[in-house]
């Protein structure tokens, strides 16, 4: 506890939040159809007004 998550950033930036949201949904859906606990996925706005998708595997989730 007290340890901050280690984020993995998608290598591509997006012009719109919608485009980033499509990737976010795809990442989440891929894990929901599998057997592993899915990652926490976020969309972050950069100073350049582009968007990036990042995700982390939180193995210390409340459901464990």
Protein backbone atom coordinates (compact mmCIF):
# COMPACT_ATOMS: atom_id res chain seq x y z
CA UNK A 1 0.00 0.00 0.00
CA UNK A 2 1.17 3.53 -0.66
CA UNK A 3 2.93 2.37 -3.81
CA UNK A 4 1.86 4.33 -6.88
CA UNK A 5 0.95 2.35 -9.99
CA UNK A 6 3.45 1.93 -12.81
CA UNK A 7 1.79 3.22 -15.96
CA UNK A 8 2.38 1.83 -19.44
CA UNK A 9 1.83 4.44 -22.17
CA UNK A 10 0.51 3.56 -25.61
CA UNK A 11 3.13 4.54 -28.20
CA UNK A 12 0.71 6.59 -30.30
CA UNK A 13 -0.86 9.96 -29.52
CA UNK A 14 -4.31 10.90 -30.76
CA UNK A 15 -5.73 14.13 -32.17
CA UNK A 16 -9.08 13.71 -30.42
CA UNK A 17 -10.39 12.29 -27.18
CA UNK A 18 -12.80 10.18 -29.25
CA UNK A 19 -9.92 8.40 -31.00
CA UNK A 20 -8.23 7.72 -27.67
CA UNK A 21 -11.55 6.50 -26.26
CA UNK A 22 -11.84 3.92 -29.05
CA UNK A 23 -8.47 2.44 -28.09
CA UNK A 24 -9.44 2.54 -24.40
CA UNK A 25 -12.61 0.56 -25.13
CA UNK A 26 -10.68 -1.94 -27.25
CA UNK A 27 -8.10 -2.53 -24.50
CA UNK A 28 -10.81 -3.01 -21.88
CA UNK A 29 -12.88 -5.34 -24.08
CA UNK A 30 -9.87 -7.53 -24.87
CA UNK A 31 -9.35 -8.23 -21.18
CA UNK A 32 -13.04 -8.67 -20.34
CA UNK A 33 -13.14 -11.53 -22.83
CA UNK A 34 -10.08 -13.17 -21.28
CA UNK A 35 -9.35 -14.82 -17.97
CA UNK A 36 -7.08 -12.18 -16.46
CA UNK A 37 -8.07 -9.16 -14.41
CA UNK A 38 -8.09 -6.25 -16.83
CA UNK A 39 -5.90 -3.20 -16.56
CA UNK A 40 -6.98 0.22 -15.36
CA UNK A 41 -7.08 2.32 -18.55
CA UNK A 42 -7.01 6.15 -18.61
CA UNK A 43 -6.95 8.89 -21.24
CA UNK A 44 -4.66 11.81 -20.48
CA UNK A 45 -4.58 15.15 -22.29
CA UNK A 46 -1.09 16.37 -23.12
CA UNK A 47 0.09 19.99 -23.13
CA UNK A 48 0.14 19.76 -26.94
CA UNK A 49 -3.67 19.23 -26.90
CA UNK A 50 -3.22 15.64 -28.03
CA UNK A 51 -4.34 12.60 -26.08
CA UNK A 52 -2.49 9.54 -24.89
CA UNK A 53 -3.81 6.27 -23.48
CA UNK A 54 -2.12 4.71 -20.49
CA UNK A 55 -2.86 1.58 -18.54
CA UNK A 56 -1.65 -0.32 -15.51
CA UNK A 57 -2.15 -3.70 -13.95
CA UNK A 58 -3.23 -3.17 -10.35
CA UNK A 59 -2.72 -6.58 -8.78
CA UNK A 60 -3.65 -5.15 -5.41
CA UNK A 61 -7.23 -4.43 -6.46
CA UNK A 62 -10.05 -4.43 -3.92
CA UNK A 63 -11.56 -7.59 -5.39
CA UNK A 64 -8.53 -9.74 -4.57
